Each structure stands twice: as structure tokens, then as C-alpha cells.
């Protein structure tokens, strides 16, 4: 069996990728453990929020048969004078978790942000109890620059902190 990461491709998403993104996006968001989106977000709204217009970009990680394994979106964190700082969001299909897809997407989006001329990347709301994500972002050079105490209502852990993470590019 080929190595998952060498066989995987990361490319810009198209409208045709949405049917592969929506099932795992819906599962992740409805779980309410890692995203600040409404847990009952409908498909039309989720598509609008994830397949971002320029200057934003959405990418997908796909296996050789085209199955979407994960996705990320890259946008300016703010408008106007703050648009030199990027923001990004990432999701990996549950069936593909633990295979390095999130790391590959993270590295790819950081490279894309640099190529697009962003000077930094900021994550506004990393759920502190999402230790895998926090560890991944730290390993890719992000640091915690802020903490919102009890900023996220986790369905089983109650109120947990949200982290603001940052990396100069």
C-alpha cells in the first residue's frame, strides 16, 4: 500500500469537491467540540462559509482516486490595514485522522500564505481542549498569544478556554 502522504495531493478546491467536504464538515461541526460554528449549520450556509471567495482560498487533500480526506481555507484575518495577517481553518475526515493529513494541510497553507504575501498567520479561536490541534500548531511554529477564559462551550467538558495562536511568516 502506498504511503498516504506521498499518494495524497493538496490542491485548490472546486465546487465539485463540496460533496466530499460536506459529510465530514457536518460531522465535525455538529459534534460541537472544535468549531465555533452553529452546530446545526445547514449545508448552504456551511458551503458559503467554507468555499471562500477571493482573496480567500480553499484547498483539499485528496487521495489518488479523488476522495477528499481533508480541507482548509485561507483568508485575511481582518480587512483593510489588517489584511496582511492570514487566518486559516482546517478539517480532516474522521476516517483519515491520525495519518498526517492535518500536518500536510497546515504546512501547505503556511506555504500558500507566504506565497500570497501574508506577513503572519493568526488563529482566533483554537479550542484549548483540542490538544491534538494545539500540539500540531505549536509543532508548526505557532505560539499562544492570547487566551479567552471559558470562551467555548464544549458539549461534554463545559466551558473551556479559546486560544489565540500566532506565527510570523
Protein backbone atom coordinates (compact mmCIF):
# COMPACT_ATOMS: atom_id res chain seq x y z
CA UNK A 1 0.00 0.00 0.00
CA UNK A 2 1.47 3.43 -0.90
CA UNK A 3 2.31 5.87 1.87
CA UNK A 4 -0.75 8.10 2.47
CA UNK A 5 1.21 11.34 2.33
CA UNK A 6 3.13 10.54 -0.84
CA UNK A 7 -0.05 9.41 -2.58
CA UNK A 8 -2.08 12.40 -1.38
CA UNK A 9 -2.41 15.60 -3.37
CA UNK A 10 -3.24 19.02 -1.95
CA UNK A 11 -4.88 21.30 -4.50
CA UNK A 12 -7.29 24.18 -4.75
CA UNK A 13 -10.87 23.14 -4.11
CA UNK A 14 -13.53 23.35 -6.76
CA UNK A 15 -17.31 23.33 -6.46
CA UNK A 16 -17.14 19.64 -7.42
CA UNK A 17 -15.28 18.91 -4.17
CA UNK A 18 -18.11 20.12 -1.95
CA UNK A 19 -19.95 16.74 -1.84
CA UNK A 20 -16.72 15.23 -0.47
CA UNK A 21 -16.20 18.02 2.10
CA UNK A 22 -19.74 18.38 3.44
CA UNK A 23 -20.10 14.99 5.21
CA UNK A 24 -17.03 15.42 7.43
CA UNK A 25 -17.57 19.17 7.87
CA UNK A 26 -21.12 18.46 9.07
CA UNK A 27 -19.86 15.74 11.43
CA UNK A 28 -17.13 17.94 12.92
CA UNK A 29 -19.32 21.00 13.34
CA UNK A 30 -22.33 19.11 14.73
CA UNK A 31 -20.10 17.44 17.35
CA UNK A 32 -19.56 20.91 18.80
CA UNK A 33 -16.10 20.10 20.18
CA UNK A 34 -13.72 22.12 17.99
CA UNK A 35 -15.52 24.75 15.90
CA UNK A 36 -17.29 27.94 16.92
CA UNK A 37 -19.87 27.46 14.18
CA UNK A 38 -23.53 26.79 14.98
CA UNK A 39 -23.83 23.02 15.48
CA UNK A 40 -26.91 22.92 13.25
CA UNK A 41 -25.40 24.90 10.34
CA UNK A 42 -27.21 23.99 7.14
CA UNK A 43 -25.41 22.87 4.02
CA UNK A 44 -25.92 26.08 2.04
CA UNK A 45 -24.52 28.26 4.83
CA UNK A 46 -21.63 25.87 5.51
CA UNK A 47 -20.71 25.86 1.82
CA UNK A 48 -20.73 29.66 1.77
CA UNK A 49 -18.54 29.80 4.88
CA UNK A 50 -16.04 27.16 3.71
CA UNK A 51 -15.67 27.73 -0.04
CA UNK A 52 -14.45 31.29 0.43
CA UNK A 53 -14.32 33.93 -2.32
CA UNK A 54 -11.06 35.66 -3.32
CA UNK A 55 -8.77 36.76 -1.88
CA UNK A 56 -9.52 33.71 0.26
CA UNK A 57 -8.78 30.23 -0.97
CA UNK A 58 -9.92 26.76 -0.06
CA UNK A 59 -7.77 23.68 -0.60
CA UNK A 60 -8.46 19.97 -0.37
CA UNK A 61 -6.28 16.97 0.37
CA UNK A 62 -7.33 14.12 -1.90
CA UNK A 63 -6.19 10.56 -2.34
CA UNK A 64 -5.35 9.18 -5.81
CA UNK A 65 -8.99 8.29 -6.55
CA UNK A 66 -10.12 11.85 -5.73
CA UNK A 67 -11.63 11.12 -2.32
CA UNK A 68 -11.45 14.24 -0.17
CA UNK A 69 -9.52 13.46 3.02
CA UNK A 70 -9.39 16.97 4.46
CA UNK A 71 -9.71 20.61 3.61
CA UNK A 72 -8.50 24.03 4.70
CA UNK A 73 -9.44 27.60 3.99
CA UNK A 74 -7.12 30.60 3.96
CA UNK A 75 -8.41 34.16 4.30
CA UNK A 76 -7.23 37.54 5.51
CA UNK A 77 -7.76 37.70 9.27
CA UNK A 78 -9.03 41.29 9.00
CA UNK A 79 -9.89 43.74 6.26
CA UNK A 80 -8.04 46.87 5.20
CA UNK A 81 -4.93 47.67 7.25
CA UNK A 82 -5.06 44.22 8.89
CA UNK A 83 -5.25 42.18 5.70
CA UNK A 84 -1.54 41.30 5.78
CA UNK A 85 -2.26 38.76 8.54
CA UNK A 86 -3.78 35.48 7.37
CA UNK A 87 -6.32 33.28 9.09
CA UNK A 88 -6.96 29.63 8.31
CA UNK A 89 -9.27 26.80 9.30
CA UNK A 90 -8.69 23.07 8.88
CA UNK A 91 -10.79 19.92 8.90
CA UNK A 92 -9.80 16.29 8.34
CA UNK A 93 -12.28 13.49 7.69
CA UNK A 94 -12.61 11.18 10.69
CA UNK A 95 -11.66 8.17 8.59
CA UNK A 96 -8.36 9.88 7.71
CA UNK A 97 -7.44 11.19 11.18
CA UNK A 98 -4.02 10.40 12.56
CA UNK A 99 -2.35 9.98 9.17
CA UNK A 100 -0.56 13.31 8.94
CA UNK A 101 -3.15 14.98 6.72
CA UNK A 102 -3.71 17.89 9.10
CA UNK A 103 0.05 18.49 9.26
CA UNK A 104 0.36 18.33 5.47
CA UNK A 105 -2.55 20.76 5.07
CA UNK A 106 -1.05 23.07 7.70
CA UNK A 107 2.35 23.14 6.01
CA UNK A 108 0.75 23.66 2.60
CA UNK A 109 -1.43 26.55 3.79
CA UNK A 110 1.53 28.20 5.53
CA UNK A 111 3.47 28.00 2.25
CA UNK A 112 0.48 29.38 0.35
CA UNK A 113 0.12 32.26 2.82
CA UNK A 114 3.78 33.14 2.40
CA UNK A 115 3.46 32.99 -1.39
CA UNK A 116 0.39 35.24 -1.20
CA UNK A 117 2.43 37.84 0.69
CA UNK A 118 0.93 37.49 4.15
CA UNK A 119 3.31 38.55 6.92
CA UNK A 120 1.77 36.42 9.68
CA UNK A 121 -0.96 33.90 10.42
CA UNK A 122 -3.34 34.10 13.36
CA UNK A 123 -5.86 31.58 14.60
CA UNK A 124 -8.56 33.41 16.55
CA UNK A 125 -10.29 30.52 18.29
CA UNK A 126 -8.39 27.28 18.90
CA UNK A 127 -10.32 25.29 21.50
CA UNK A 128 -7.86 24.63 24.33
CA UNK A 129 -9.23 21.13 24.96
CA UNK A 130 -8.43 20.22 21.33
CA UNK A 131 -4.97 19.11 22.40
CA UNK A 132 -4.13 17.43 19.08
CA UNK A 133 -4.69 20.68 17.19
CA UNK A 134 -2.86 22.78 19.79
CA UNK A 135 0.10 20.39 19.64
CA UNK A 136 0.12 20.40 15.84
CA UNK A 137 0.06 24.18 15.61
CA UNK A 138 2.81 24.51 18.22
CA UNK A 139 4.93 22.00 16.28
CA UNK A 140 4.47 24.11 13.14
CA UNK A 141 5.75 27.24 14.87
CA UNK A 142 2.63 28.84 16.33
CA UNK A 143 2.61 30.31 19.81
CA UNK A 144 -0.28 31.12 22.10
CA UNK A 145 -0.52 34.92 22.27
CA UNK A 146 -3.89 35.15 23.98
CA UNK A 147 -6.45 33.18 25.93
CA UNK A 148 -10.18 33.80 26.22
CA UNK A 149 -11.19 32.21 29.52
CA UNK A 150 -14.25 29.97 29.18
CA UNK A 151 -14.72 31.28 25.62
CA UNK A 152 -16.10 28.00 24.24
CA UNK A 153 -18.98 25.87 25.49
CA UNK A 154 -17.86 22.28 24.92
CA UNK A 155 -20.70 19.72 24.92
CA UNK A 156 -19.04 17.41 27.48
CA UNK A 157 -16.27 19.47 29.12
CA UNK A 158 -18.34 22.57 29.80
CA UNK A 159 -16.77 25.98 29.37
CA UNK A 160 -13.17 25.76 28.14
CA UNK A 161 -10.69 28.38 27.02
CA UNK A 162 -10.17 29.57 23.47
CA UNK A 163 -6.60 30.23 22.39
CA UNK A 164 -5.36 32.89 20.00
CA UNK A 165 -2.35 31.40 18.20
CA UNK A 166 0.08 33.33 16.02
CA UNK A 167 3.06 32.83 13.77
CA UNK A 168 5.14 35.43 11.93
CA UNK A 169 5.69 34.36 8.35
